[in-house]
Every structure is written in structure tokens, then in C-alpha cells.
C-alpha atoms as a PDB file:
ATOM      1  CA  UNK A   1      -3.551  -5.247 -17.127  1.00  0.00           C
ATOM      2  CA  UNK A   2       1.033  -5.744 -17.583  1.00  0.00           C
ATOM      3  CA  UNK A   3       0.885  -1.600 -16.527  1.00  0.00           C
ATOM      4  CA  UNK A   4      -1.755  -2.128 -13.484  1.00  0.00           C
ATOM      5  CA  UNK A   5       0.357  -5.593 -12.395  1.00  0.00           C
ATOM      6  CA  UNK A   6       3.228  -3.139 -12.320  1.00  0.00           C
ATOM      7  CA  UNK A   7       1.529  -0.441 -10.373  1.00  0.00           C
ATOM      8  CA  UNK A   8       0.738  -3.254  -8.253  1.00  0.00           C
ATOM      9  CA  UNK A   9       3.956  -4.540  -7.663  1.00  0.00           C
ATOM     10  CA  UNK A  10       5.565  -0.794  -6.712  1.00  0.00           C
ATOM     11  CA  UNK A  11       3.437  -0.381  -4.327  1.00  0.00           C
ATOM     12  CA  UNK A  12       3.842  -3.250  -2.501  1.00  0.00           C
ATOM     13  CA  UNK A  13       7.637  -2.790  -3.107  1.00  0.00           C
ATOM     14  CA  UNK A  14       7.390   0.635  -1.396  1.00  0.00           C
ATOM     15  CA  UNK A  15       5.469  -0.556   2.008  1.00  0.00           C
ATOM     16  CA  UNK A  16       8.110  -3.733   1.729  1.00  0.00           C
ATOM     17  CA  UNK A  17       9.667  -2.107   4.782  1.00  0.00           C
ATOM     18  CA  UNK A  18       6.805  -0.012   6.499  1.00  0.00           C
ATOM     19  CA  UNK A  19       5.872  -2.030  10.373  1.00  0.00           C
ATOM     20  CA  UNK A  20       3.908  -0.529  13.169  1.00  0.00           C
ATOM     21  CA  UNK A  21       6.563   1.177  15.879  1.00  0.00           C
ATOM     22  CA  UNK A  22       3.828  -0.389  18.749  1.00  0.00           C
ATOM     23  CA  UNK A  23       2.157  -3.463  16.905  1.00  0.00           C
ATOM     24  CA  UNK A  24       5.153  -4.227  14.449  1.00  0.00           C
ATOM     25  CA  UNK A  25       2.376  -4.541  11.819  1.00  0.00           C
ATOM     26  CA  UNK A  26       2.801  -4.283   8.380  1.00  0.00           C
ATOM     27  CA  UNK A  27      -0.116  -2.908   6.734  1.00  0.00           C
ATOM     28  CA  UNK A  28      -1.976  -4.836   4.117  1.00  0.00           C
ATOM     29  CA  UNK A  29      -3.437  -3.840   0.771  1.00  0.00           C
ATOM     30  CA  UNK A  30      -6.066  -4.765  -1.079  1.00  0.00           C
ATOM     31  CA  UNK A  31      -6.501  -4.121  -5.074  1.00  0.00           C
ATOM     32  CA  UNK A  32      -9.832  -4.028  -7.299  1.00  0.00           C
ATOM     33  CA  UNK A  33      -9.905  -2.823 -10.443  1.00  0.00           C
ATOM     34  CA  UNK A  34      -8.291  -4.085 -13.679  1.00  0.00           C
ATOM     35  CA  UNK A  35      -6.830  -0.762 -15.276  1.00  0.00           C
ATOM     36  CA  UNK A  36      -4.890   1.953 -13.806  1.00  0.00           C
ATOM     37  CA  UNK A  37      -7.988   4.312 -14.029  1.00  0.00           C
ATOM     38  CA  UNK A  38     -10.367   1.107 -12.778  1.00  0.00           C
ATOM     39  CA  UNK A  39      -7.856   0.962 -10.021  1.00  0.00           C
ATOM     40  CA  UNK A  40      -8.275   1.318  -6.472  1.00  0.00           C
ATOM     41  CA  UNK A  41      -6.873   0.856  -3.679  1.00  0.00           C
ATOM     42  CA  UNK A  42      -7.910   0.075   0.304  1.00  0.00           C
ATOM     43  CA  UNK A  43      -5.279  -0.126   3.416  1.00  0.00           C
ATOM     44  CA  UNK A  44      -5.736  -1.864   6.006  1.00  0.00           C
ATOM     45  CA  UNK A  45      -3.471  -1.175   9.564  1.00  0.00           C
ATOM     46  CA  UNK A  46      -3.353  -1.316  13.023  1.00  0.00           C
ATOM     47  CA  UNK A  47      -3.736   1.740  13.830  1.00  0.00           C
ATOM     48  CA  UNK A  48      -3.812   5.199  12.372  1.00  0.00           C
ATOM     49  CA  UNK A  49       0.352   5.391  13.445  1.00  0.00           C
ATOM     50  CA  UNK A  50       0.841   2.427  11.087  1.00  0.00           C
ATOM     51  CA  UNK A  51      -1.466   4.012   8.105  1.00  0.00           C
ATOM     52  CA  UNK A  52       0.357   7.606   8.340  1.00  0.00           C
ATOM     53  CA  UNK A  53       3.512   5.816   7.914  1.00  0.00           C
ATOM     54  CA  UNK A  54       1.952   3.693   5.167  1.00  0.00           C
ATOM     55  CA  UNK A  55       0.122   6.448   3.099  1.00  0.00           C
ATOM     56  CA  UNK A  56       3.571   8.906   3.793  1.00  0.00           C
ATOM     57  CA  UNK A  57       5.428   5.606   2.037  1.00  0.00           C
ATOM     58  CA  UNK A  58       2.875   5.199  -0.863  1.00  0.00           C
ATOM     59  CA  UNK A  59       3.029   9.138  -1.769  1.00  0.00           C
ATOM     60  CA  UNK A  60       7.026   9.059  -1.911  1.00  0.00           C
ATOM     61  CA  UNK A  61       7.900   8.784  -5.917  1.00  0.00           C
END
């Protein structure tokens, strides 16, 4: 469980400063699953541009 919590924290931290340049909204993430193997993430965004920016940021190491 600690690994999953740390994964969530790291992922959310990556998105702290990500905002839509048009609508000025932040992406919202919904984590599902009890382990790292089971986890799935649903991202909600106001538009495709924000989804693109957020996905790019999440992919950074």
C-alpha cells in the first residue's frame, strides 16, 4: 500500500503546475486499484490540449 500511495503522490506532484492555457483549469485524476499492479488512472480534463500537456508531464521521469 505504501508503494501505491507514493506512486499517487509522485504522479499528482508532477501535475501541480499544469493548467489549461485556455480555460485555466487543472486536470483531475481518479486512481483505482489497491496495488501498483492493479492501479488504473482516469484523467479528466477540460479539453484535449490540457490532456496532452498533462500526459506529457506525467511521462517525464
